[in-house]
mmCIF file of all heavy atoms, coordinates in Angstrom:
data_MODEL
# 
_entry.id   MODEL 
# 
loop_
_atom_site.group_PDB 
_atom_site.id 
_atom_site.type_symbol 
_atom_site.label_atom_id 
_atom_site.label_alt_id 
_atom_site.label_comp_id 
_atom_site.label_asym_id 
_atom_site.label_entity_id 
_atom_site.label_seq_id 
_atom_site.pdbx_PDB_ins_code 
_atom_site.Cartn_x 
_atom_site.Cartn_y 
_atom_site.Cartn_z 
_atom_site.occupancy 
_atom_site.B_iso_or_equiv 
_atom_site.pdbx_formal_charge 
_atom_site.auth_seq_id 
_atom_site.auth_comp_id 
_atom_site.auth_asym_id 
_atom_site.auth_atom_id 
_atom_site.pdbx_PDB_model_num 
ATOM 1   N N   . ALA A 1 1  ? 0.835  -1.201 0.000   1.00 0.00 ? 1  ALA A N   1 
ATOM 2   C CA  . ALA A 1 1  ? 0.000  0.000  0.000   1.00 0.00 ? 1  ALA A CA  1 
ATOM 3   C C   . ALA A 1 1  ? 0.869  1.250  0.000   1.00 0.00 ? 1  ALA A C   1 
ATOM 4   O O   . ALA A 1 1  ? 0.612  2.212  -0.738  1.00 0.00 ? 1  ALA A O   1 
ATOM 5   C CB  . ALA A 1 1  ? -0.920 -0.002 1.221   1.00 0.00 ? 1  ALA A CB  1 
ATOM 6   N N   . LYS A 1 2  ? 1.930  1.238  0.841   1.00 0.00 ? 2  LYS A N   1 
ATOM 7   C CA  . LYS A 1 2  ? 2.845  2.384  0.869   1.00 0.00 ? 2  LYS A CA  1 
ATOM 8   C C   . LYS A 1 2  ? 3.525  2.584  -0.486  1.00 0.00 ? 2  LYS A C   1 
ATOM 9   O O   . LYS A 1 2  ? 3.629  3.706  -0.994  1.00 0.00 ? 2  LYS A O   1 
ATOM 10  C CB  . LYS A 1 2  ? 3.899  2.192  1.951   1.00 0.00 ? 2  LYS A CB  1 
ATOM 11  C CG  . LYS A 1 2  ? 3.341  2.295  3.362   1.00 0.00 ? 2  LYS A CG  1 
ATOM 12  C CD  . LYS A 1 2  ? 4.458  2.120  4.392   1.00 0.00 ? 2  LYS A CD  1 
ATOM 13  C CE  . LYS A 1 2  ? 3.902  2.220  5.816   1.00 0.00 ? 2  LYS A CE  1 
ATOM 14  N NZ  . LYS A 1 2  ? 4.970  2.047  6.840   1.00 0.00 ? 2  LYS A NZ  1 
ATOM 15  N N   . GLU A 1 3  ? 4.008  1.472  -1.051  1.00 0.00 ? 3  GLU A N   1 
ATOM 16  C CA  . GLU A 1 3  ? 4.669  1.565  -2.342  1.00 0.00 ? 3  GLU A CA  1 
ATOM 17  C C   . GLU A 1 3  ? 3.693  1.999  -3.429  1.00 0.00 ? 3  GLU A C   1 
ATOM 18  O O   . GLU A 1 3  ? 4.046  2.754  -4.339  1.00 0.00 ? 3  GLU A O   1 
ATOM 19  C CB  . GLU A 1 3  ? 5.297  0.209  -2.720  1.00 0.00 ? 3  GLU A CB  1 
ATOM 20  C CG  . GLU A 1 3  ? 6.434  -0.233 -1.823  1.00 0.00 ? 3  GLU A CG  1 
ATOM 21  C CD  . GLU A 1 3  ? 7.599  0.756  -1.855  1.00 0.00 ? 3  GLU A CD  1 
ATOM 22  O OE1 . GLU A 1 3  ? 7.854  1.339  -2.928  1.00 0.00 ? 3  GLU A OE1 1 
ATOM 23  O OE2 . GLU A 1 3  ? 8.225  0.941  -0.800  1.00 0.00 ? 3  GLU A OE2 1 
ATOM 24  N N   . THR A 1 4  ? 2.441  1.549  -3.312  1.00 0.00 ? 4  THR A N   1 
ATOM 25  C CA  . THR A 1 4  ? 1.417  1.973  -4.274  1.00 0.00 ? 4  THR A CA  1 
ATOM 26  C C   . THR A 1 4  ? 1.177  3.470  -4.165  1.00 0.00 ? 4  THR A C   1 
ATOM 27  O O   . THR A 1 4  ? 1.042  4.179  -5.171  1.00 0.00 ? 4  THR A O   1 
ATOM 28  C CB  . THR A 1 4  ? 0.109  1.207  -4.034  1.00 0.00 ? 4  THR A CB  1 
ATOM 29  O OG1 . THR A 1 4  ? 0.353  -0.201 -4.141  1.00 0.00 ? 4  THR A OG1 1 
ATOM 30  C CG2 . THR A 1 4  ? -0.951 1.610  -5.049  1.00 0.00 ? 4  THR A CG2 1 
ATOM 31  N N   . GLU A 1 5  ? 1.138  3.942  -2.887  1.00 0.00 ? 5  GLU A N   1 
ATOM 32  C CA  . GLU A 1 5  ? 0.968  5.381  -2.674  1.00 0.00 ? 5  GLU A CA  1 
ATOM 33  C C   . GLU A 1 5  ? 2.150  6.155  -3.244  1.00 0.00 ? 5  GLU A C   1 
ATOM 34  O O   . GLU A 1 5  ? 1.967  7.187  -3.907  1.00 0.00 ? 5  GLU A O   1 
ATOM 35  C CB  . GLU A 1 5  ? 0.838  5.655  -1.173  1.00 0.00 ? 5  GLU A CB  1 
ATOM 36  C CG  . GLU A 1 5  ? 0.545  7.113  -0.847  1.00 0.00 ? 5  GLU A CG  1 
ATOM 37  C CD  . GLU A 1 5  ? 0.385  7.329  0.644   1.00 0.00 ? 5  GLU A CD  1 
ATOM 38  O OE1 . GLU A 1 5  ? 0.454  6.340  1.400   1.00 0.00 ? 5  GLU A OE1 1 
ATOM 39  O OE2 . GLU A 1 5  ? 0.196  8.490  1.045   1.00 0.00 ? 5  GLU A OE2 1 
ATOM 40  N N   . LYS A 1 6  ? 3.360  5.633  -3.001  1.00 0.00 ? 6  LYS A N   1 
ATOM 41  C CA  . LYS A 1 6  ? 4.551  6.271  -3.572  1.00 0.00 ? 6  LYS A CA  1 
ATOM 42  C C   . LYS A 1 6  ? 4.493  6.260  -5.092  1.00 0.00 ? 6  LYS A C   1 
ATOM 43  O O   . LYS A 1 6  ? 4.848  7.235  -5.755  1.00 0.00 ? 6  LYS A O   1 
ATOM 44  C CB  . LYS A 1 6  ? 5.818  5.557  -3.095  1.00 0.00 ? 6  LYS A CB  1 
ATOM 45  C CG  . LYS A 1 6  ? 6.128  5.767  -1.628  1.00 0.00 ? 6  LYS A CG  1 
ATOM 46  C CD  . LYS A 1 6  ? 7.407  5.027  -1.253  1.00 0.00 ? 6  LYS A CD  1 
ATOM 47  C CE  . LYS A 1 6  ? 7.737  5.195  0.217   1.00 0.00 ? 6  LYS A CE  1 
ATOM 48  N NZ  . LYS A 1 6  ? 8.965  4.459  0.599   1.00 0.00 ? 6  LYS A NZ  1 
ATOM 49  N N   . LEU A 1 7  ? 4.042  5.104  -5.626  1.00 0.00 ? 7  LEU A N   1 
ATOM 50  C CA  . LEU A 1 7  ? 3.959  4.984  -7.083  1.00 0.00 ? 7  LEU A CA  1 
ATOM 51  C C   . LEU A 1 7  ? 2.959  5.978  -7.650  1.00 0.00 ? 7  LEU A C   1 
ATOM 52  O O   . LEU A 1 7  ? 3.223  6.630  -8.670  1.00 0.00 ? 7  LEU A O   1 
ATOM 53  C CB  . LEU A 1 7  ? 3.554  3.553  -7.457  1.00 0.00 ? 7  LEU A CB  1 
ATOM 54  C CG  . LEU A 1 7  ? 3.374  3.262  -8.947  1.00 0.00 ? 7  LEU A CG  1 
ATOM 55  C CD1 . LEU A 1 7  ? 4.675  3.516  -9.694  1.00 0.00 ? 7  LEU A CD1 1 
ATOM 56  C CD2 . LEU A 1 7  ? 2.891  1.846  -9.172  1.00 0.00 ? 7  LEU A CD2 1 
ATOM 57  N N   . GLN A 1 8  ? 1.801  6.123  -6.975  1.00 0.00 ? 8  GLN A N   1 
ATOM 58  C CA  . GLN A 1 8  ? 0.803  7.080  -7.434  1.00 0.00 ? 8  GLN A CA  1 
ATOM 59  C C   . GLN A 1 8  ? 1.352  8.503  -7.380  1.00 0.00 ? 8  GLN A C   1 
ATOM 60  O O   . GLN A 1 8  ? 1.149  9.310  -8.299  1.00 0.00 ? 8  GLN A O   1 
ATOM 61  C CB  . GLN A 1 8  ? -0.458 6.987  -6.563  1.00 0.00 ? 8  GLN A CB  1 
ATOM 62  C CG  . GLN A 1 8  ? -1.223 5.683  -6.727  1.00 0.00 ? 8  GLN A CG  1 
ATOM 63  C CD  . GLN A 1 8  ? -1.746 5.478  -8.139  1.00 0.00 ? 8  GLN A CD  1 
ATOM 64  O OE1 . GLN A 1 8  ? -2.077 6.428  -8.833  1.00 0.00 ? 8  GLN A OE1 1 
ATOM 65  N NE2 . GLN A 1 8  ? -1.829 4.222  -8.573  1.00 0.00 ? 8  GLN A NE2 1 
ATOM 66  N N   . PHE A 1 9  ? 2.093  8.807  -6.291  1.00 0.00 ? 9  PHE A N   1 
ATOM 67  C CA  . PHE A 1 9  ? 2.708  10.124 -6.167  1.00 0.00 ? 9  PHE A CA  1 
ATOM 68  C C   . PHE A 1 9  ? 3.736  10.345 -7.268  1.00 0.00 ? 9  PHE A C   1 
ATOM 69  O O   . PHE A 1 9  ? 3.807  11.411 -7.893  1.00 0.00 ? 9  PHE A O   1 
ATOM 70  C CB  . PHE A 1 9  ? 3.367  10.249 -4.786  1.00 0.00 ? 9  PHE A CB  1 
ATOM 71  C CG  . PHE A 1 9  ? 4.028  11.575 -4.558  1.00 0.00 ? 9  PHE A CG  1 
ATOM 72  C CD1 . PHE A 1 9  ? 3.275  12.710 -4.305  1.00 0.00 ? 9  PHE A CD1 1 
ATOM 73  C CD2 . PHE A 1 9  ? 5.412  11.685 -4.597  1.00 0.00 ? 9  PHE A CD2 1 
ATOM 74  C CE1 . PHE A 1 9  ? 3.890  13.941 -4.099  1.00 0.00 ? 9  PHE A CE1 1 
ATOM 75  C CE2 . PHE A 1 9  ? 6.025  12.911 -4.397  1.00 0.00 ? 9  PHE A CE2 1 
ATOM 76  C CZ  . PHE A 1 9  ? 5.255  14.037 -4.142  1.00 0.00 ? 9  PHE A CZ  1 
ATOM 77  N N   . ALA A 1 10 ? 4.552  9.291  -7.519  1.00 0.00 ? 10 ALA A N   1 
ATOM 78  C CA  . ALA A 1 10 ? 5.565  9.379  -8.573  1.00 0.00 ? 10 ALA A CA  1 
ATOM 79  C C   . ALA A 1 10 ? 4.901  9.541  -9.942  1.00 0.00 ? 10 ALA A C   1 
ATOM 80  O O   . ALA A 1 10 ? 5.365  10.327 -10.784 1.00 0.00 ? 10 ALA A O   1 
ATOM 81  C CB  . ALA A 1 10 ? 6.453  8.138  -8.563  1.00 0.00 ? 10 ALA A CB  1 
ATOM 82  N N   . LEU A 1 11 ? 3.785  8.817  -10.141 1.00 0.00 ? 11 LEU A N   1 
ATOM 83  C CA  . LEU A 1 11 ? 3.071  8.948  -11.414 1.00 0.00 ? 11 LEU A CA  1 
ATOM 84  C C   . LEU A 1 11 ? 2.519  10.361 -11.576 1.00 0.00 ? 11 LEU A C   1 
ATOM 85  O O   . LEU A 1 11 ? 2.542  10.930 -12.677 1.00 0.00 ? 11 LEU A O   1 
ATOM 86  C CB  . LEU A 1 11 ? 1.932  7.925  -11.486 1.00 0.00 ? 11 LEU A CB  1 
ATOM 87  C CG  . LEU A 1 11 ? 2.358  6.457  -11.654 1.00 0.00 ? 11 LEU A CG  1 
ATOM 88  C CD1 . LEU A 1 11 ? 1.146  5.541  -11.560 1.00 0.00 ? 11 LEU A CD1 1 
ATOM 89  C CD2 . LEU A 1 11 ? 3.083  6.244  -12.976 1.00 0.00 ? 11 LEU A CD2 1 
ATOM 90  N N   . GLY A 1 12 ? 2.041  10.941 -10.457 1.00 0.00 ? 12 GLY A N   1 
ATOM 91  C CA  . GLY A 1 12 ? 1.572  12.326 -10.524 1.00 0.00 ? 12 GLY A CA  1 
ATOM 92  C C   . GLY A 1 12 ? 2.703  13.276 -10.867 1.00 0.00 ? 12 GLY A C   1 
ATOM 93  O O   . GLY A 1 12 ? 2.540  14.186 -11.702 1.00 0.00 ? 12 GLY A O   1 
ATOM 94  N N   . GLU A 1 13 ? 3.869  13.053 -10.226 1.00 0.00 ? 13 GLU A N   1 
ATOM 95  C CA  . GLU A 1 13 ? 5.029  13.889 -10.541 1.00 0.00 ? 13 GLU A CA  1 
ATOM 96  C C   . GLU A 1 13 ? 5.454  13.711 -11.997 1.00 0.00 ? 13 GLU A C   1 
ATOM 97  O O   . GLU A 1 13 ? 5.806  14.687 -12.673 1.00 0.00 ? 13 GLU A O   1 
ATOM 98  C CB  . GLU A 1 13 ? 6.193  13.544 -9.613  1.00 0.00 ? 13 GLU A CB  1 
ATOM 99  C CG  . GLU A 1 13 ? 6.014  14.026 -8.196  1.00 0.00 ? 13 GLU A CG  1 
ATOM 100 C CD  . GLU A 1 13 ? 7.252  13.785 -7.361  1.00 0.00 ? 13 GLU A CD  1 
ATOM 101 O OE1 . GLU A 1 13 ? 8.071  12.934 -7.756  1.00 0.00 ? 13 GLU A OE1 1 
ATOM 102 O OE2 . GLU A 1 13 ? 7.403  14.449 -6.323  1.00 0.00 ? 13 GLU A OE2 1 
ATOM 103 N N   . VAL A 1 14 ? 5.414  12.455 -12.456 1.00 0.00 ? 14 VAL A N   1 
ATOM 104 C CA  . VAL A 1 14 ? 5.780  12.186 -13.850 1.00 0.00 ? 14 VAL A CA  1 
ATOM 105 C C   . VAL A 1 14 ? 4.827  12.890 -14.793 1.00 0.00 ? 14 VAL A C   1 
ATOM 106 O O   . VAL A 1 14 ? 5.243  13.475 -15.813 1.00 0.00 ? 14 VAL A O   1 
ATOM 107 C CB  . VAL A 1 14 ? 5.778  10.659 -14.121 1.00 0.00 ? 14 VAL A CB  1 
ATOM 108 C CG1 . VAL A 1 14 ? 5.858  10.377 -15.618 1.00 0.00 ? 14 VAL A CG1 1 
ATOM 109 C CG2 . VAL A 1 14 ? 6.936  9.983  -13.397 1.00 0.00 ? 14 VAL A CG2 1 
ATOM 110 N N   . GLU A 1 15 ? 3.534  12.883 -14.445 1.00 0.00 ? 15 GLU A N   1 
ATOM 111 C CA  . GLU A 1 15 ? 2.561  13.565 -15.300 1.00 0.00 ? 15 GLU A CA  1 
ATOM 112 C C   . GLU A 1 15 ? 2.824  15.066 -15.328 1.00 0.00 ? 15 GLU A C   1 
ATOM 113 O O   . GLU A 1 15 ? 2.783  15.705 -16.389 1.00 0.00 ? 15 GLU A O   1 
ATOM 114 C CB  . GLU A 1 15 ? 1.153  13.287 -14.784 1.00 0.00 ? 15 GLU A CB  1 
ATOM 115 C CG  . GLU A 1 15 ? 0.052  13.861 -15.675 1.00 0.00 ? 15 GLU A CG  1 
ATOM 116 C CD  . GLU A 1 15 ? -1.332 13.499 -15.179 1.00 0.00 ? 15 GLU A CD  1 
ATOM 117 O OE1 . GLU A 1 15 ? -1.432 12.811 -14.139 1.00 0.00 ? 15 GLU A OE1 1 
ATOM 118 O OE2 . GLU A 1 15 ? -2.309 13.933 -15.826 1.00 0.00 ? 15 GLU A OE2 1 
ATOM 119 N N   . VAL A 1 16 ? 3.109  15.638 -14.124 1.00 0.00 ? 16 VAL A N   1 
ATOM 120 C CA  . VAL A 1 16 ? 3.415  17.075 -14.050 1.00 0.00 ? 16 VAL A CA  1 
ATOM 121 C C   . VAL A 1 16 ? 4.667  17.390 -14.859 1.00 0.00 ? 16 VAL A C   1 
ATOM 122 O O   . VAL A 1 16 ? 4.715  18.353 -15.642 1.00 0.00 ? 16 VAL A O   1 
ATOM 123 C CB  . VAL A 1 16 ? 3.590  17.514 -12.586 1.00 0.00 ? 16 VAL A CB  1 
ATOM 124 C CG1 . VAL A 1 16 ? 4.095  18.960 -12.520 1.00 0.00 ? 16 VAL A CG1 1 
ATOM 125 C CG2 . VAL A 1 16 ? 2.270  17.387 -11.831 1.00 0.00 ? 16 VAL A CG2 1 
ATOM 126 N N   . LEU A 1 17 ? 5.698  16.551 -14.654 1.00 0.00 ? 17 LEU A N   1 
ATOM 127 C CA  . LEU A 1 17 ? 6.951  16.766 -15.386 1.00 0.00 ? 17 LEU A CA  1 
ATOM 128 C C   . LEU A 1 17 ? 6.750  16.575 -16.887 1.00 0.00 ? 17 LEU A C   1 
ATOM 129 O O   . LEU A 1 17 ? 7.359  17.285 -17.689 1.00 0.00 ? 17 LEU A O   1 
ATOM 130 C CB  . LEU A 1 17 ? 8.027  15.805 -14.873 1.00 0.00 ? 17 LEU A CB  1 
ATOM 131 C CG  . LEU A 1 17 ? 8.527  16.073 -13.443 1.00 0.00 ? 17 LEU A CG  1 
ATOM 132 C CD1 . LEU A 1 17 ? 9.486  14.975 -13.005 1.00 0.00 ? 17 LEU A CD1 1 
ATOM 133 C CD2 . LEU A 1 17 ? 9.214  17.437 -13.353 1.00 0.00 ? 17 LEU A CD2 1 
ATOM 134 N N   . SER A 1 18 ? 5.895  15.618 -17.256 1.00 0.00 ? 18 SER A N   1 
ATOM 135 C CA  . SER A 1 18 ? 5.622  15.395 -18.682 1.00 0.00 ? 18 SER A CA  1 
ATOM 136 C C   . SER A 1 18 ? 4.957  16.611 -19.301 1.00 0.00 ? 18 SER A C   1 
ATOM 137 O O   . SER A 1 18 ? 5.326  17.039 -20.407 1.00 0.00 ? 18 SER A O   1 
ATOM 138 C CB  . SER A 1 18 ? 4.736  14.156 -18.860 1.00 0.00 ? 18 SER A CB  1 
ATOM 139 O OG  . SER A 1 18 ? 5.400  12.993 -18.403 1.00 0.00 ? 18 SER A OG  1 
ATOM 140 N N   . LYS A 1 19 ? 3.988  17.188 -18.563 1.00 0.00 ? 19 LYS A N   1 
ATOM 141 C CA  . LYS A 1 19 ? 3.327  18.397 -19.077 1.00 0.00 ? 19 LYS A CA  1 
ATOM 142 C C   . LYS A 1 19 ? 4.318  19.553 -19.160 1.00 0.00 ? 19 LYS A C   1 
ATOM 143 O O   . LYS A 1 19 ? 4.332  20.301 -20.150 1.00 0.00 ? 19 LYS A O   1 
ATOM 144 C CB  . LYS A 1 19 ? 2.162  18.767 -18.173 1.00 0.00 ? 19 LYS A CB  1 
ATOM 145 C CG  . LYS A 1 19 ? 0.996  17.778 -18.251 1.00 0.00 ? 19 LYS A CG  1 
ATOM 146 C CD  . LYS A 1 19 ? -0.139 18.202 -17.341 1.00 0.00 ? 19 LYS A CD  1 
ATOM 147 C CE  . LYS A 1 19 ? -1.310 17.227 -17.426 1.00 0.00 ? 19 LYS A CE  1 
ATOM 148 N NZ  . LYS A 1 19 ? -2.427 17.605 -16.535 1.00 0.00 ? 19 LYS A NZ  1 
ATOM 149 N N   . GLN A 1 20 ? 5.164  19.671 -18.106 1.00 0.00 ? 20 GLN A N   1 
ATOM 150 C CA  . GLN A 1 20 ? 6.172  20.738 -18.128 1.00 0.00 ? 20 GLN A CA  1 
ATOM 151 C C   . GLN A 1 20 ? 7.149  20.530 -19.279 1.00 0.00 ? 20 GLN A C   1 
ATOM 152 O O   . GLN A 1 20 ? 7.530  21.479 -19.985 1.00 0.00 ? 20 GLN A O   1 
ATOM 153 C CB  . GLN A 1 20 ? 6.929  20.757 -16.797 1.00 0.00 ? 20 GLN A CB  1 
ATOM 154 C CG  . GLN A 1 20 ? 7.964  21.866 -16.690 1.00 0.00 ? 20 GLN A CG  1 
ATOM 155 C CD  . GLN A 1 20 ? 8.666  21.862 -15.348 1.00 0.00 ? 20 GLN A CD  1 
ATOM 156 O OE1 . GLN A 1 20 ? 8.317  21.082 -14.455 1.00 0.00 ? 20 GLN A OE1 1 
ATOM 157 N NE2 . GLN A 1 20 ? 9.647  22.727 -15.190 1.00 0.00 ? 20 GLN A NE2 1 
ATOM 158 N N   . LEU A 1 21 ? 7.547  19.260 -19.469 1.00 0.00 ? 21 LEU A N   1 
ATOM 159 C CA  . LEU A 1 21 ? 8.455  18.941 -20.563 1.00 0.00 ? 21 LEU A CA  1 
ATOM 160 C C   . LEU A 1 21 ? 7.817  19.245 -21.911 1.00 0.00 ? 21 LEU A C   1 
ATOM 161 O O   . LEU A 1 21 ? 8.479  19.757 -22.823 1.00 0.00 ? 21 LEU A O   1 
ATOM 162 C CB  . LEU A 1 21 ? 8.860  17.465 -20.491 1.00 0.00 ? 21 LEU A CB  1 
ATOM 163 C CG  . LEU A 1 21 ? 9.820  16.954 -21.568 1.00 0.00 ? 21 LEU A CG  1 
ATOM 164 C CD1 . LEU A 1 21 ? 11.144 17.700 -21.472 1.00 0.00 ? 21 LEU A CD1 1 
ATOM 165 C CD2 . LEU A 1 21 ? 10.038 15.459 -21.441 1.00 0.00 ? 21 LEU A CD2 1 
ATOM 166 N N   . GLU A 1 22 ? 6.533  18.967 -22.027 1.00 0.00 ? 22 GLU A N   1 
ATOM 167 C CA  . GLU A 1 22 ? 5.826  19.243 -23.284 1.00 0.00 ? 22 GLU A CA  1 
ATOM 168 C C   . GLU A 1 22 ? 5.788  20.746 -23.554 1.00 0.00 ? 22 GLU A C   1 
ATOM 169 O O   . GLU A 1 22 ? 6.000  21.195 -24.694 1.00 0.00 ? 22 GLU A O   1 
ATOM 170 C CB  . GLU A 1 22 ? 4.404  18.677 -23.212 1.00 0.00 ? 22 GLU A CB  1 
ATOM 171 C CG  . GLU A 1 22 ? 3.604  18.830 -24.488 1.00 0.00 ? 22 GLU A CG  1 
ATOM 172 C CD  . GLU A 1 22 ? 4.182  18.053 -25.642 1.00 0.00 ? 22 GLU A CD  1 
ATOM 173 O OE1 . GLU A 1 22 ? 4.891  17.061 -25.398 1.00 0.00 ? 22 GLU A OE1 1 
ATOM 174 O OE2 . GLU A 1 22 ? 3.919  18.442 -26.799 1.00 0.00 ? 22 GLU A OE2 1 
ATOM 175 N N   . ARG A 1 23 ? 5.526  21.523 -22.473 1.00 0.00 ? 23 ARG A N   1 
ATOM 176 C CA  . ARG A 1 23 ? 5.524  22.989 -22.638 1.00 0.00 ? 23 ARG A CA  1 
ATOM 177 C C   . ARG A 1 23 ? 6.906  23.493 -23.027 1.00 0.00 ? 23 ARG A C   1 
ATOM 178 O O   . ARG A 1 23 ? 7.047  24.328 -23.931 1.00 0.00 ? 23 ARG A O   1 
ATOM 179 C CB  . ARG A 1 23 ? 5.067  23.658 -21.342 1.00 0.00 ? 23 ARG A CB  1 
ATOM 180 C CG  . ARG A 1 23 ? 3.592  23.471 -21.032 1.00 0.00 ? 23 ARG A CG  1 
ATOM 181 C CD  . ARG A 1 23 ? 3.144  24.432 -19.952 1.00 0.00 ? 23 ARG A CD  1 
ATOM 182 N NE  . ARG A 1 23 ? 3.855  24.195 -18.696 1.00 0.00 ? 23 ARG A NE  1 
ATOM 183 C CZ  . ARG A 1 23 ? 3.449  23.368 -17.735 1.00 0.00 ? 23 ARG A CZ  1 
ATOM 184 N NH1 . ARG A 1 23 ? 2.319  22.679 -17.895 1.00 0.00 ? 23 ARG A NH1 1 
ATOM 185 N NH2 . ARG A 1 23 ? 4.144  23.232 -16.621 1.00 0.00 ? 23 ARG A NH2 1 
ATOM 186 N N   . GLU A 1 24 ? 7.928  22.967 -22.337 1.00 0.00 ? 24 GLU A N   1 
ATOM 187 C CA  . GLU A 1 24 ? 9.296  23.371 -22.659 1.00 0.00 ? 24 GLU A CA  1 
ATOM 188 C C   . GLU A 1 24 ? 9.671  22.945 -24.076 1.00 0.00 ? 24 GLU A C   1 
ATOM 189 O O   . GLU A 1 24 ? 10.375 23.668 -24.787 1.00 0.00 ? 24 GLU A O   1 
ATOM 190 C CB  . GLU A 1 24 ? 10.269 22.771 -21.650 1.00 0.00 ? 24 GLU A CB  1 
ATOM 191 C CG  . GLU A 1 24 ? 10.133 23.358 -20.254 1.00 0.00 ? 24 GLU A CG  1 
ATOM 192 C CD  . GLU A 1 24 ? 11.070 22.707 -19.265 1.00 0.00 ? 24 GLU A CD  1 
ATOM 193 O OE1 . GLU A 1 24 ? 11.742 21.723 -19.653 1.00 0.00 ? 24 GLU A OE1 1 
ATOM 194 O OE2 . GLU A 1 24 ? 11.129 23.171 -18.105 1.00 0.00 ? 24 GLU A OE2 1 
ATOM 195 N N   . LYS A 1 25 ? 9.191  21.757 -24.474 1.00 0.00 ? 25 LYS A N   1 
ATOM 196 C CA  . LYS A 1 25 ? 9.456  21.267 -25.819 1.00 0.00 ? 25 LYS A CA  1 
ATOM 197 C C   . LYS A 1 25 ? 8.830  22.187 -26.863 1.00 0.00 ? 25 LYS A C   1 
ATOM 198 O O   . LYS A 1 25 ? 9.460  22.545 -27.870 1.00 0.00 ? 25 LYS A O   1 
ATOM 199 C CB  . LYS A 1 25 ? 8.916  19.845 -25.972 1.00 0.00 ? 25 LYS A CB  1 
ATOM 200 C CG  . LYS A 1 25 ? 9.170  19.228 -27.345 1.00 0.00 ? 25 LYS A CG  1 
ATOM 201 C CD  . LYS A 1 25 ? 8.583  17.836 -27.419 1.00 0.00 ? 25 LYS A CD  1 
ATOM 202 C CE  . LYS A 1 25 ? 8.782  17.236 -28.808 1.00 0.00 ? 25 LYS A CE  1 
ATOM 203 N NZ  . LYS A 1 25 ? 8.173  15.886 -28.909 1.00 0.00 ? 25 LYS A NZ  1 
# 
């Protein structure tokens, strides 16, 4: 459950970073 929560948080960060990367791109 903890790792799932971390994974969900990491996925959220990845999504944010992906959007930021897309804007920068």
